[in-house]
PDB file of N, CA and C in Angstrom:
ATOM      1  N   MET A   1     -80.453  25.703  83.473  1.00  0.00           N
ATOM      2  CA  MET A   1     -79.664  26.671  82.896  1.00  0.00           C
ATOM      3  C   MET A   1     -79.383  26.162  81.427  1.00  0.00           C
ATOM      4  N   SER A   2     -79.424  27.044  80.430  1.00  0.00           N
ATOM      5  CA  SER A   2     -79.190  26.791  79.203  1.00  0.00           C
ATOM      6  C   SER A   2     -77.743  26.769  78.841  1.00  0.00           C
ATOM      7  N   ASP A   3     -77.224  26.316  77.831  1.00  0.00           N
ATOM      8  CA  ASP A   3     -75.996  26.396  77.187  1.00  0.00           C
ATOM      9  C   ASP A   3     -75.916  27.312  76.139  1.00  0.00           C
ATOM     10  N   ASP A   4     -75.106  28.392  76.232  1.00  0.00           N
ATOM     11  CA  ASP A   4     -75.198  29.564  75.549  1.00  0.00           C
ATOM     12  C   ASP A   4     -74.055  29.631  74.493  1.00  0.00           C
ATOM     13  N   SER A   5     -73.297  28.395  74.294  1.00  0.00           N
ATOM     14  CA  SER A   5     -72.099  28.385  73.637  1.00  0.00           C
ATOM     15  C   SER A   5     -72.300  28.690  72.322  1.00  0.00           C
ATOM     16  N   ASP A   6     -73.370  28.301  71.695  1.00  0.00           N
ATOM     17  CA  ASP A   6     -73.867  28.385  70.267  1.00  0.00           C
ATOM     18  C   ASP A   6     -74.541  29.800  70.138  1.00  0.00           C
ATOM     19  N   ALA A   7     -74.762  30.447  71.077  1.00  0.00           N
ATOM     20  CA  ALA A   7     -75.543  31.789  70.951  1.00  0.00           C
ATOM     21  C   ALA A   7     -74.451  32.808  70.163  1.00  0.00           C
ATOM     22  N   PRO A   8     -74.895  33.778  69.572  1.00  0.00           N
ATOM     23  CA  PRO A   8     -74.195  34.717  68.924  1.00  0.00           C
ATOM     24  C   PRO A   8     -73.497  35.436  69.984  1.00  0.00           C
ATOM     25  N   GLY A   9     -72.162  35.817  69.710  1.00  0.00           N
ATOM     26  CA  GLY A   9     -71.226  36.480  70.393  1.00  0.00           C
ATOM     27  C   GLY A   9     -70.454  35.611  71.562  1.00  0.00           C
ATOM     28  N   HIS A  10     -70.830  34.247  71.648  1.00  0.00           N
ATOM     29  CA  HIS A  10     -70.308  33.467  72.516  1.00  0.00           C
ATOM     30  C   HIS A  10     -69.071  32.418  71.892  1.00  0.00           C
ATOM     31  N   GLY A  11     -68.729  32.519  70.607  1.00  0.00           N
ATOM     32  CA  GLY A  11     -67.771  31.815  70.046  1.00  0.00           C
ATOM     33  C   GLY A  11     -68.219  30.537  69.639  1.00  0.00           C
ATOM     34  N   GLY A  12     -69.390  30.259  69.593  1.00  0.00           N
ATOM     35  CA  GLY A  12     -69.830  28.881  69.162  1.00  0.00           C
ATOM     36  C   GLY A  12     -69.776  28.691  67.646  1.00  0.00           C
ATOM     37  N   ALA A  13     -70.164  27.561  67.313  1.00  0.00           N
ATOM     38  CA  ALA A  13     -70.082  27.231  65.843  1.00  0.00           C
ATOM     39  C   ALA A  13     -70.861  28.204  65.063  1.00  0.00           C
ATOM     40  N   GLY A  14     -70.251  28.654  63.851  1.00  0.00           N
ATOM     41  CA  GLY A  14     -71.086  29.658  62.905  1.00  0.00           C
ATOM     42  C   GLY A  14     -70.980  31.063  63.402  1.00  0.00           C
ATOM     43  N   ASP A  15     -70.421  31.368  64.662  1.00  0.00           N
ATOM     44  CA  ASP A  15     -70.321  32.821  65.193  1.00  0.00           C
ATOM     45  C   ASP A  15     -69.293  33.516  64.406  1.00  0.00           C
ATOM     46  N   PRO A  16     -69.427  34.467  63.684  1.00  0.00           N
ATOM     47  CA  PRO A  16     -68.318  35.228  63.037  1.00  0.00           C
ATOM     48  C   PRO A  16     -67.438  35.793  63.974  1.00  0.00           C
ATOM     49  N   ALA A  17     -67.840  36.373  65.154  1.00  0.00           N
ATOM     50  CA  ALA A  17     -66.839  36.887  66.150  1.00  0.00           C
ATOM     51  C   ALA A  17     -65.757  35.684  66.575  1.00  0.00           C
ATOM     52  N   GLY A  18     -66.527  34.422  66.882  1.00  0.00           N
ATOM     53  CA  GLY A  18     -65.664  33.430  67.344  1.00  0.00           C
ATOM     54  C   GLY A  18     -64.752  32.844  66.137  1.00  0.00           C
ATOM     55  N   ASP A  19     -65.201  32.678  65.001  1.00  0.00           N
ATOM     56  CA  ASP A  19     -64.361  32.345  63.867  1.00  0.00           C
ATOM     57  C   ASP A  19     -63.246  33.368  63.775  1.00  0.00           C
ATOM     58  N   ASP A  20     -63.457  34.650  63.865  1.00  0.00           N
ATOM     59  CA  ASP A  20     -62.388  35.830  63.926  1.00  0.00           C
ATOM     60  C   ASP A  20     -61.317  35.529  64.902  1.00  0.00           C
ATOM     61  N   ALA A  21     -61.885  35.372  65.993  1.00  0.00           N
ATOM     62  CA  ALA A  21     -61.009  35.111  67.179  1.00  0.00           C
ATOM     63  C   ALA A  21     -59.980  33.758  67.082  1.00  0.00           C
ATOM     64  N   LEU A  22     -60.736  32.641  66.383  1.00  0.00           N
ATOM     65  CA  LEU A  22     -59.923  31.559  66.202  1.00  0.00           C
ATOM     66  C   LEU A  22     -58.948  31.792  65.241  1.00  0.00           C
ATOM     67  N   THR A  23     -59.303  32.483  64.056  1.00  0.00           N
ATOM     68  CA  THR A  23     -58.444  32.748  63.034  1.00  0.00           C
ATOM     69  C   THR A  23     -57.232  33.676  63.600  1.00  0.00           C
ATOM     70  N   ASP A  24     -57.481  34.583  64.355  1.00  0.00           N
ATOM     71  CA  ASP A  24     -56.462  35.611  64.729  1.00  0.00           C
ATOM     72  C   ASP A  24     -55.629  34.796  65.683  1.00  0.00           C
ATOM     73  N   ALA A  25     -55.955  33.933  66.557  1.00  0.00           N
ATOM     74  CA  ALA A  25     -55.276  32.999  67.248  1.00  0.00           C
ATOM     75  C   ALA A  25     -54.364  32.114  66.720  1.00  0.00           C
ATOM     76  N   GLU A  26     -54.777  31.435  65.560  1.00  0.00           N
ATOM     77  CA  GLU A  26     -54.037  30.648  64.895  1.00  0.00           C
ATOM     78  C   GLU A  26     -53.008  31.495  64.070  1.00  0.00           C
ATOM     79  N   ALA A  27     -53.323  32.603  63.553  1.00  0.00           N
ATOM     80  CA  ALA A  27     -52.292  33.408  62.898  1.00  0.00           C
ATOM     81  C   ALA A  27     -51.263  33.865  63.880  1.00  0.00           C
ATOM     82  N   ALA A  28     -51.655  34.240  65.192  1.00  0.00           N
ATOM     83  CA  ALA A  28     -50.533  34.443  66.082  1.00  0.00           C
ATOM     84  C   ALA A  28     -49.578  33.485  66.427  1.00  0.00           C
ATOM     85  N   ILE A  29     -50.093  32.169  66.447  1.00  0.00           N
ATOM     86  CA  ILE A  29     -49.312  30.911  66.759  1.00  0.00           C
ATOM     87  C   ILE A  29     -48.492  30.626  65.616  1.00  0.00           C
ATOM     88  N   ASP A  30     -48.959  30.832  64.404  1.00  0.00           N
ATOM     89  CA  ASP A  30     -48.037  30.567  63.406  1.00  0.00           C
ATOM     90  C   ASP A  30     -46.981  31.584  63.175  1.00  0.00           C
ATOM     91  N   ALA A  31     -47.174  32.814  63.630  1.00  0.00           N
ATOM     92  CA  ALA A  31     -46.144  33.884  63.587  1.00  0.00           C
ATOM     93  C   ALA A  31     -45.066  33.683  64.683  1.00  0.00           C
ATOM     94  N   ALA A  32     -45.671  33.227  65.785  1.00  0.00           N
ATOM     95  CA  ALA A  32     -44.636  32.851  66.920  1.00  0.00           C
ATOM     96  C   ALA A  32     -43.791  31.636  66.402  1.00  0.00           C
ATOM     97  N   ARG A  33     -44.397  30.694  65.842  1.00  0.00           N
ATOM     98  CA  ARG A  33     -43.457  29.474  65.329  1.00  0.00           C
ATOM     99  C   ARG A  33     -42.408  30.010  64.224  1.00  0.00           C
ATOM    100  N   ARG A  34     -42.781  30.791  63.418  1.00  0.00           N
ATOM    101  CA  ARG A  34     -41.831  31.466  62.395  1.00  0.00           C
ATOM    102  C   ARG A  34     -40.743  32.149  63.162  1.00  0.00           C
ATOM    103  N   ARG A  35     -41.040  32.898  64.157  1.00  0.00           N
ATOM    104  CA  ARG A  35     -39.923  33.547  64.883  1.00  0.00           C
ATOM    105  C   ARG A  35     -39.138  32.705  65.762  1.00  0.00           C
ATOM    106  N   VAL A  36     -39.679  31.702  66.287  1.00  0.00           N
ATOM    107  CA  VAL A  36     -38.804  30.738  66.984  1.00  0.00           C
ATOM    108  C   VAL A  36     -37.945  29.904  66.076  1.00  0.00           C
ATOM    109  N   ALA A  37     -38.500  29.526  64.726  1.00  0.00           N
ATOM    110  CA  ALA A  37     -37.699  28.924  63.885  1.00  0.00           C
ATOM    111  C   ALA A  37     -36.393  29.610  63.304  1.00  0.00           C
ATOM    112  N   GLU A  38     -36.695  30.931  63.278  1.00  0.00           N
ATOM    113  CA  GLU A  38     -35.532  31.800  62.806  1.00  0.00           C
ATOM    114  C   GLU A  38     -34.308  31.873  63.810  1.00  0.00           C
ATOM    115  N   VAL A  39     -34.526  31.616  65.117  1.00  0.00           N
ATOM    116  CA  VAL A  39     -33.407  31.599  66.060  1.00  0.00           C
ATOM    117  C   VAL A  39     -32.720  30.331  66.066  1.00  0.00           C
ATOM    118  N   PRO A  40     -31.457  30.333  66.044  1.00  0.00           N
ATOM    119  CA  PRO A  40     -30.619  29.111  66.187  1.00  0.00           C
ATOM    120  C   PRO A  40     -30.980  28.318  67.428  1.00  0.00           C
ATOM    121  N   ALA A  41     -30.958  27.106  67.166  1.00  0.00           N
ATOM    122  CA  ALA A  41     -31.586  26.119  68.359  1.00  0.00           C
ATOM    123  C   ALA A  41     -30.638  26.275  69.514  1.00  0.00           C
ATOM    124  N   GLU A  42     -29.283  26.494  69.371  1.00  0.00           N
ATOM    125  CA  GLU A  42     -28.430  26.648  70.642  1.00  0.00           C
ATOM    126  C   GLU A  42     -28.846  27.879  71.464  1.00  0.00           C
ATOM    127  N   VAL A  43     -29.364  28.862  70.758  1.00  0.00           N
ATOM    128  CA  VAL A  43     -29.729  30.151  71.572  1.00  0.00           C
ATOM    129  C   VAL A  43     -30.976  29.719  72.342  1.00  0.00           C
ATOM    130  N   VAL A  44     -31.980  29.082  71.719  1.00  0.00           N
ATOM    131  CA  VAL A  44     -33.212  28.659  72.528  1.00  0.00           C
ATOM    132  C   VAL A  44     -32.830  27.684  73.596  1.00  0.00           C
ATOM    133  N   VAL A  45     -32.018  26.591  73.328  1.00  0.00           N
ATOM    134  CA  VAL A  45     -31.595  25.827  74.498  1.00  0.00           C
ATOM    135  C   VAL A  45     -30.872  26.518  75.474  1.00  0.00           C
ATOM    136  N   THR A  46     -29.841  27.335  75.176  1.00  0.00           N
ATOM    137  CA  THR A  46     -29.162  28.081  76.177  1.00  0.00           C
ATOM    138  C   THR A  46     -30.151  29.069  77.145  1.00  0.00           C
ATOM    139  N   ASN A  47     -31.165  29.651  76.448  1.00  0.00           N
ATOM    140  CA  ASN A  47     -32.083  30.272  77.247  1.00  0.00           C
ATOM    141  C   ASN A  47     -32.777  29.411  78.166  1.00  0.00           C
ATOM    142  N   HIS A  48     -33.211  28.268  77.749  1.00  0.00           N
ATOM    143  CA  HIS A  48     -33.698  27.218  78.707  1.00  0.00           C
ATOM    144  C   HIS A  48     -32.910  26.862  79.969  1.00  0.00           C
ATOM    145  N   VAL A  49     -31.578  26.753  79.453  1.00  0.00           N
ATOM    146  CA  VAL A  49     -30.656  26.344  80.583  1.00  0.00           C
ATOM    147  C   VAL A  49     -30.617  27.415  81.626  1.00  0.00           C
ATOM    148  N   MET A  50     -30.552  28.726  81.196  1.00  0.00           N
ATOM    149  CA  MET A  50     -30.515  29.832  82.106  1.00  0.00           C
ATOM    150  C   MET A  50     -31.863  30.026  82.967  1.00  0.00           C
ATOM    151  N   GLY A  51     -32.970  29.502  82.284  1.00  0.00           N
ATOM    152  CA  GLY A  51     -34.242  29.357  83.266  1.00  0.00           C
ATOM    153  C   GLY A  51     -34.019  28.522  84.168  1.00  0.00           C
ATOM    154  N   LEU A  52     -33.524  27.328  83.780  1.00  0.00           N
ATOM    155  CA  LEU A  52     -33.420  26.320  84.797  1.00  0.00           C
ATOM    156  C   LEU A  52     -32.405  26.873  85.866  1.00  0.00           C
ATOM    157  N   TYR A  53     -31.250  27.456  85.696  1.00  0.00           N
ATOM    158  CA  TYR A  53     -30.333  27.974  86.345  1.00  0.00           C
ATOM    159  C   TYR A  53     -31.117  28.924  87.450  1.00  0.00           C
ATOM    160  N   GLU A  54     -31.843  29.953  86.919  1.00  0.00           N
ATOM    161  CA  GLU A  54     -32.596  30.786  87.739  1.00  0.00           C
ATOM    162  C   GLU A  54     -33.599  30.141  88.745  1.00  0.00           C
ATOM    163  N   LEU A  55     -34.348  29.042  88.203  1.00  0.00           N
ATOM    164  CA  LEU A  55     -34.976  28.278  89.085  1.00  0.00           C
ATOM    165  C   LEU A  55     -34.296  27.649  90.123  1.00  0.00           C
ATOM    166  N   ALA A  56     -33.160  27.121  89.896  1.00  0.00           N
ATOM    167  CA  ALA A  56     -32.303  26.536  91.067  1.00  0.00           C
ATOM    168  C   ALA A  56     -31.976  27.737  92.050  1.00  0.00           C
ATOM    169  N   ALA A  57     -31.588  28.853  91.548  1.00  0.00           N
ATOM    170  CA  ALA A  57     -31.203  29.942  92.429  1.00  0.00           C
ATOM    171  C   ALA A  57     -32.376  30.378  93.316  1.00  0.00           C
ATOM    172  N   ILE A  58     -33.458  30.405  92.618  1.00  0.00           N
ATOM    173  CA  ILE A  58     -34.690  30.696  93.503  1.00  0.00           C
ATOM    174  C   ILE A  58     -34.895  29.872  94.627  1.00  0.00           C
ATOM    175  N   HIS A  59     -34.863  28.601  94.276  1.00  0.00           N
ATOM    176  CA  HIS A  59     -35.133  27.564  95.374  1.00  0.00           C
ATOM    177  C   HIS A  59     -34.108  27.477  96.458  1.00  0.00           C
ATOM    178  N   LEU A  60     -32.779  27.865  96.080  1.00  0.00           N
ATOM    179  CA  LEU A  60     -31.749  27.951  97.069  1.00  0.00           C
ATOM    180  C   LEU A  60     -31.836  29.096  98.061  1.00  0.00           C
ATOM    181  N   SER A  61     -32.475  30.185  97.392  1.00  0.00           N
ATOM    182  CA  SER A  61     -32.483  31.589  98.087  1.00  0.00           C
ATOM    183  C   SER A  61     -33.773  31.672  98.950  1.00  0.00           C
ATOM    184  N   SER A  62     -34.622  30.722  98.791  1.00  0.00           N
ATOM    185  CA  SER A  62     -35.876  30.614  99.631  1.00  0.00           C
ATOM    186  C   SER A  62     -35.577  30.567 101.026  1.00  0.00           C
ATOM    187  N   GLU A  63     -36.453  30.852 101.852  1.00  0.00           N
ATOM    188  CA  GLU A  63     -36.081  30.539 103.319  1.00  0.00           C
ATOM    189  C   GLU A  63     -37.249  29.662 103.840  1.00  0.00           C
ATOM    190  N   PRO A  64     -36.977  28.494 104.436  1.00  0.00           N
ATOM    191  CA  PRO A  64     -35.791  27.788 104.201  1.00  0.00           C
ATOM    192  C   PRO A  64     -35.610  27.379 102.704  1.00  0.00           C
ATOM    193  N   PRO A  65     -34.245  27.096 102.464  1.00  0.00           N
ATOM    194  CA  PRO A  65     -33.931  26.482 100.995  1.00  0.00           C
ATOM    195  C   PRO A  65     -34.920  25.307 100.668  1.00  0.00           C
ATOM    196  N   ASP A  66     -35.335  25.286  99.391  1.00  0.00           N
ATOM    197  CA  ASP A  66     -35.902  24.091  98.826  1.00  0.00           C
ATOM    198  C   ASP A  66     -34.742  23.199  98.198  1.00  0.00           C
ATOM    199  N   LEU A  67     -34.119  22.592  99.012  1.00  0.00           N
ATOM    200  CA  LEU A  67     -32.835  21.857  98.291  1.00  0.00           C
ATOM    201  C   LEU A  67     -33.486  20.695  97.153  1.00  0.00           C
ATOM    202  N   ALA A  68     -34.316  20.009  97.601  1.00  0.00           N
ATOM    203  CA  ALA A  68     -34.837  19.060  96.601  1.00  0.00           C
ATOM    204  C   ALA A  68     -35.282  19.666  95.205  1.00  0.00           C
ATOM    205  N   SER A  69     -35.984  20.681  95.300  1.00  0.00           N
ATOM    206  CA  SER A  69     -36.282  21.455  94.052  1.00  0.00           C
ATOM    207  C   SER A  69     -34.984  21.981  93.293  1.00  0.00           C
ATOM    208  N   ALA A  70     -34.162  22.621  94.199  1.00  0.00           N
ATOM    209  CA  ALA A  70     -32.838  23.146  93.693  1.00  0.00           C
ATOM    210  C   ALA A  70     -32.076  22.080  92.994  1.00  0.00           C
ATOM    211  N   ALA A  71     -32.005  20.968  93.676  1.00  0.00           N
ATOM    212  CA  ALA A  71     -31.122  19.860  93.155  1.00  0.00           C
ATOM    213  C   ALA A  71     -31.811  19.341  91.746  1.00  0.00           C
ATOM    214  N   LEU A  72     -33.190  19.256  91.630  1.00  0.00           N
ATOM    215  CA  LEU A  72     -33.653  18.828  90.513  1.00  0.00           C
ATOM    216  C   LEU A  72     -33.389  19.945  89.293  1.00  0.00           C
ATOM    217  N   ALA A  73     -33.501  21.108  89.561  1.00  0.00           N
ATOM    218  CA  ALA A  73     -33.203  22.027  88.641  1.00  0.00           C
ATOM    219  C   ALA A  73     -31.558  21.982  88.249  1.00  0.00           C
ATOM    220  N   ILE A  74     -30.692  22.001  89.239  1.00  0.00           N
ATOM    221  CA  ILE A  74     -29.421  21.791  88.839  1.00  0.00           C
ATOM    222  C   ILE A  74     -29.099  20.672  88.146  1.00  0.00           C
ATOM    223  N   ASP A  75     -29.536  19.476  88.383  1.00  0.00           N
ATOM    224  CA  ASP A  75     -29.488  18.105  87.585  1.00  0.00           C
ATOM    225  C   ASP A  75     -29.839  18.439  86.228  1.00  0.00           C
ATOM    226  N   ALA A  76     -31.117  19.079  85.966  1.00  0.00           N
ATOM    227  CA  ALA A  76     -31.370  19.419  84.651  1.00  0.00           C
ATOM    228  C   ALA A  76     -30.428  20.201  83.942  1.00  0.00           C
ATOM    229  N   VAL A  77     -29.844  21.373  84.597  1.00  0.00           N
ATOM    230  CA  VAL A  77     -28.952  22.182  83.926  1.00  0.00           C
ATOM    231  C   VAL A  77     -27.813  21.172  83.591  1.00  0.00           C
ATOM    232  N   GLY A  78     -27.224  20.562  84.442  1.00  0.00           N
ATOM    233  CA  GLY A  78     -26.133  19.654  84.288  1.00  0.00           C
ATOM    234  C   GLY A  78     -26.346  18.548  83.025  1.00  0.00           C
ATOM    235  N   SER A  79     -27.500  17.922  83.028  1.00  0.00           N
ATOM    236  CA  SER A  79     -28.026  17.139  81.905  1.00  0.00           C
ATOM    237  C   SER A  79     -27.897  17.833  80.537  1.00  0.00           C
ATOM    238  N   LEU A  80     -28.246  19.113  80.573  1.00  0.00           N
ATOM    239  CA  LEU A  80     -28.189  19.782  79.202  1.00  0.00           C
ATOM    240  C   LEU A  80     -26.655  20.314  78.965  1.00  0.00           C
ATOM    241  N   VAL A  81     -26.086  20.943  79.933  1.00  0.00           N
ATOM    242  CA  VAL A  81     -24.785  21.435  79.617  1.00  0.00           C
ATOM    243  C   VAL A  81     -23.719  20.343  79.349  1.00  0.00           C
ATOM    244  N   GLU A  82     -23.642  19.284  80.240  1.00  0.00           N
ATOM    245  CA  GLU A  82     -22.832  18.255  80.042  1.00  0.00           C
ATOM    246  C   GLU A  82     -23.102  17.245  78.909  1.00  0.00           C
ATOM    247  N   GLY A  83     -24.359  17.237  78.718  1.00  0.00           N
ATOM    248  CA  GLY A  83     -24.826  16.200  77.555  1.00  0.00           C
ATOM    249  C   GLY A  83     -24.723  16.869  76.233  1.00  0.00           C
ATOM    250  N   LEU A  84     -24.725  18.045  76.037  1.00  0.00           N
ATOM    251  CA  LEU A  84     -24.503  18.919  74.784  1.00  0.00           C
ATOM    252  C   LEU A  84     -23.191  19.474  74.738  1.00  0.00           C
ATOM    253  N   GLY A  85     -22.520  19.762  75.660  1.00  0.00           N
ATOM    254  CA  GLY A  85     -21.157  20.207  75.430  1.00  0.00           C
ATOM    255  C   GLY A  85     -21.031  21.274  74.575  1.00  0.00           C
ATOM    256  N   ASP A  86     -20.147  21.377  73.714  1.00  0.00           N
ATOM    257  CA  ASP A  86     -19.891  22.467  72.838  1.00  0.00           C
ATOM    258  C   ASP A  86     -20.928  22.759  71.747  1.00  0.00           C
ATOM    259  N   ARG A  87     -21.915  21.866  71.544  1.00  0.00           N
ATOM    260  CA  ARG A  87     -23.048  21.945  70.706  1.00  0.00           C
ATOM    261  C   ARG A  87     -23.772  23.187  71.238  1.00  0.00           C
ATOM    262  N   LEU A  88     -23.668  23.641  72.443  1.00  0.00           N
ATOM    263  CA  LEU A  88     -24.610  24.727  72.867  1.00  0.00           C
ATOM    264  C   LEU A  88     -24.005  26.013  72.109  1.00  0.00           C
ATOM    265  N   GLY A  89     -22.863  25.855  71.367  1.00  0.00           N
ATOM    266  CA  GLY A  89     -22.358  27.114  70.683  1.00  0.00           C
ATOM    267  C   GLY A  89     -21.306  27.920  71.415  1.00  0.00           C
ATOM    268  N   PRO A  90     -21.408  29.239  71.037  1.00  0.00           N
ATOM    269  CA  PRO A  90     -20.358  29.862  71.727  1.00  0.00           C
ATOM    270  C   PRO A  90     -20.562  30.371  73.364  1.00  0.00           C
ATOM    271  N   ASP A  91     -21.730  29.998  73.818  1.00  0.00           N
ATOM    272  CA  ASP A  91     -22.123  30.187  75.242  1.00  0.00           C
ATOM    273  C   ASP A  91     -21.857  28.874  75.924  1.00  0.00           C
ATOM    274  N   ALA A  92     -21.143  27.871  75.300  1.00  0.00           N
ATOM    275  CA  ALA A  92     -21.030  26.695  76.194  1.00  0.00           C
ATOM    276  C   ALA A  92     -20.000  26.916  77.407  1.00  0.00           C
ATOM    277  N   ALA A  93     -19.132  27.536  77.107  1.00  0.00           N
ATOM    278  CA  ALA A  93     -18.140  27.794  78.366  1.00  0.00           C
ATOM    279  C   ALA A  93     -18.849  28.451  79.475  1.00  0.00           C
ATOM    280  N   THR A  94     -19.690  29.557  79.121  1.00  0.00           N
ATOM    281  CA  THR A  94     -20.426  30.324  80.083  1.00  0.00           C
ATOM    282  C   THR A  94     -21.269  29.392  80.839  1.00  0.00           C
ATOM    283  N   MET A  95     -21.905  28.572  80.079  1.00  0.00           N
ATOM    284  CA  MET A  95     -22.854  27.586  80.578  1.00  0.00           C
ATOM    285  C   MET A  95     -22.265  26.462  81.629  1.00  0.00           C
ATOM    286  N   ARG A  96     -21.195  26.166  81.216  1.00  0.00           N
ATOM    287  CA  ARG A  96     -20.275  25.316  82.175  1.00  0.00           C
ATOM    288  C   ARG A  96     -19.918  26.040  83.535  1.00  0.00           C
ATOM    289  N   ASP A  97     -19.386  27.275  83.298  1.00  0.00           N
ATOM    290  CA  ASP A  97     -19.117  27.991  84.580  1.00  0.00           C
ATOM    291  C   ASP A  97     -20.438  28.206  85.377  1.00  0.00           C
ATOM    292  N   ALA A  98     -21.528  28.501  84.837  1.00  0.00           N
ATOM    293  CA  ALA A  98     -22.841  28.783  85.453  1.00  0.00           C
ATOM    294  C   ALA A  98     -23.104  27.405  86.308  1.00  0.00           C
ATOM    295  N   LEU A  99     -22.945  26.374  85.625  1.00  0.00           N
ATOM    296  CA  LEU A  99     -23.248  25.102  86.315  1.00  0.00           C
ATOM    297  C   LEU A  99     -22.419  24.782  87.471  1.00  0.00           C
ATOM    298  N   ALA A 100     -21.090  24.992  87.405  1.00  0.00           N
ATOM    299  CA  ALA A 100     -20.227  25.007  88.330  1.00  0.00           C
ATOM    300  C   ALA A 100     -20.428  25.770  89.419  1.00  0.00           C
ATOM    301  N   ASN A 101     -20.833  27.164  89.195  1.00  0.00           N
ATOM    302  CA  ASN A 101     -21.300  28.194  90.270  1.00  0.00           C
ATOM    303  C   ASN A 101     -22.585  27.730  90.981  1.00  0.00           C
ATOM    304  N   ILE A 102     -23.390  27.198  90.327  1.00  0.00           N
ATOM    305  CA  ILE A 102     -24.786  26.857  91.248  1.00  0.00           C
ATOM    306  C   ILE A 102     -24.421  25.651  91.918  1.00  0.00           C
ATOM    307  N   ARG A 103     -23.663  24.674  91.351  1.00  0.00           N
ATOM    308  CA  ARG A 103     -23.328  23.471  92.248  1.00  0.00           C
ATOM    309  C   ARG A 103     -22.541  23.796  93.435  1.00  0.00           C
ATOM    310  N   ILE A 104     -21.625  24.784  93.306  1.00  0.00           N
ATOM    311  CA  ILE A 104     -20.788  25.311  94.639  1.00  0.00           C
ATOM    312  C   ILE A 104     -21.946  25.881  95.426  1.00  0.00           C
ATOM    313  N   ALA A 105     -22.717  26.786  95.067  1.00  0.00           N
ATOM    314  CA  ALA A 105     -23.746  27.445  95.829  1.00  0.00           C
ATOM    315  C   ALA A 105     -24.681  26.520  96.582  1.00  0.00           C
ATOM    316  N   TYR A 106     -25.077  25.424  95.876  1.00  0.00           N
ATOM    317  CA  TYR A 106     -25.877  24.400  96.499  1.00  0.00           C
ATOM    318  C   TYR A 106     -25.182  23.644  97.647  1.00  0.00           C
ATOM    319  N   VAL A 107     -23.965  23.236  97.403  1.00  0.00           N
ATOM    320  CA  VAL A 107     -23.248  22.495  98.549  1.00  0.00           C
ATOM    321  C   VAL A 107     -22.984  23.426  99.684  1.00  0.00           C
ATOM    322  N   GLU A 108     -22.672  24.746  99.448  1.00  0.00           N
ATOM    323  CA  GLU A 108     -22.760  25.725 100.586  1.00  0.00           C
ATOM    324  C   GLU A 108     -23.834  25.799 101.222  1.00  0.00           C
ATOM    325  N   ILE A 109     -25.059  26.243 100.590  1.00  0.00           N
ATOM    326  CA  ILE A 109     -26.255  26.126 101.313  1.00  0.00           C
ATOM    327  C   ILE A 109     -26.678  25.050 101.906  1.00  0.00           C
ATOM    328  N   LYS A 110     -26.404  23.833 101.218  1.00  0.00           N
ATOM    329  CA  LYS A 110     -26.874  22.656 102.128  1.00  0.00           C
ATOM    330  C   LYS A 110     -26.152  22.497 103.338  1.00  0.00           C
ATOM    331  N   GLY A 111     -24.952  22.904 103.333  1.00  0.00           N
ATOM    332  CA  GLY A 111     -23.984  22.733 104.485  1.00  0.00           C
ATOM    333  C   GLY A 111     -24.478  23.603 105.771  1.00  0.00           C
ATOM    334  N   ARG A 112     -24.711  24.846 105.219  1.00  0.00           N
ATOM    335  CA  ARG A 112     -25.296  25.896 106.278  1.00  0.00           C
ATOM    336  C   ARG A 112     -26.504  25.396 106.770  1.00  0.00           C
ATOM    337  N   HIS A 113     -27.453  24.986 105.916  1.00  0.00           N
ATOM    338  CA  HIS A 113     -28.771  24.456 106.421  1.00  0.00           C
ATOM    339  C   HIS A 113     -28.582  23.176 107.345  1.00  0.00           C
ATOM    340  N   ALA A 114     -27.778  22.378 106.960  1.00  0.00           N
ATOM    341  CA  ALA A 114     -27.639  21.192 107.945  1.00  0.00           C
ATOM    342  C   ALA A 114     -26.897  21.544 109.183  1.00  0.00           C
ATOM    343  N   THR A 115     -26.150  22.588 109.055  1.00  0.00           N
ATOM    344  CA  THR A 115     -25.597  23.209 110.442  1.00  0.00           C
ATOM    345  C   THR A 115     -26.432  23.713 111.352  1.00  0.00           C
ATOM    346  N   ALA A 116     -27.419  24.604 110.692  1.00  0.00           N
ATOM    347  CA  ALA A 116     -28.413  25.271 111.450  1.00  0.00           C
ATOM    348  C   ALA A 116     -29.416  24.275 111.984  1.00  0.00           C
ATOM    349  N   GLU A 117     -29.757  23.340 111.518  1.00  0.00           N
ATOM    350  CA  GLU A 117     -30.687  22.364 111.972  1.00  0.00           C
ATOM    351  C   GLU A 117     -30.200  21.354 112.985  1.00  0.00           C
ATOM    352  N   GLY A 118     -28.836  21.273 112.892  1.00  0.00           N
ATOM    353  CA  GLY A 118     -28.081  20.232 113.738  1.00  0.00           C
ATOM    354  C   GLY A 118     -27.706  20.795 115.052  1.00  0.00           C
TER     355      GLY A 118
END
């Protein structure tokens, strides 16, 4: 079997279609970087905190709950929220409340799960 990676239309070296695709991809990456750079860092970090919060909630709501994965996600949320504090900006208090709520949910679900198994 031959290697067609350098054949026309396969994106190989010297292929105009491959060069155009690479140029387009690089331009898209550059544009995405510019958009991210325009957003305040606390907004991006807060979005990641909420993603980790949602990850914890997903693991807590699975049947049976995946407590180890939920704990990891909750600990990650805690590290960011408690470690960064008010540097998270105007949403810092909301993030602290979310952390407290997901910790309470974890304890309640862990207790129910232990009772169901015992």
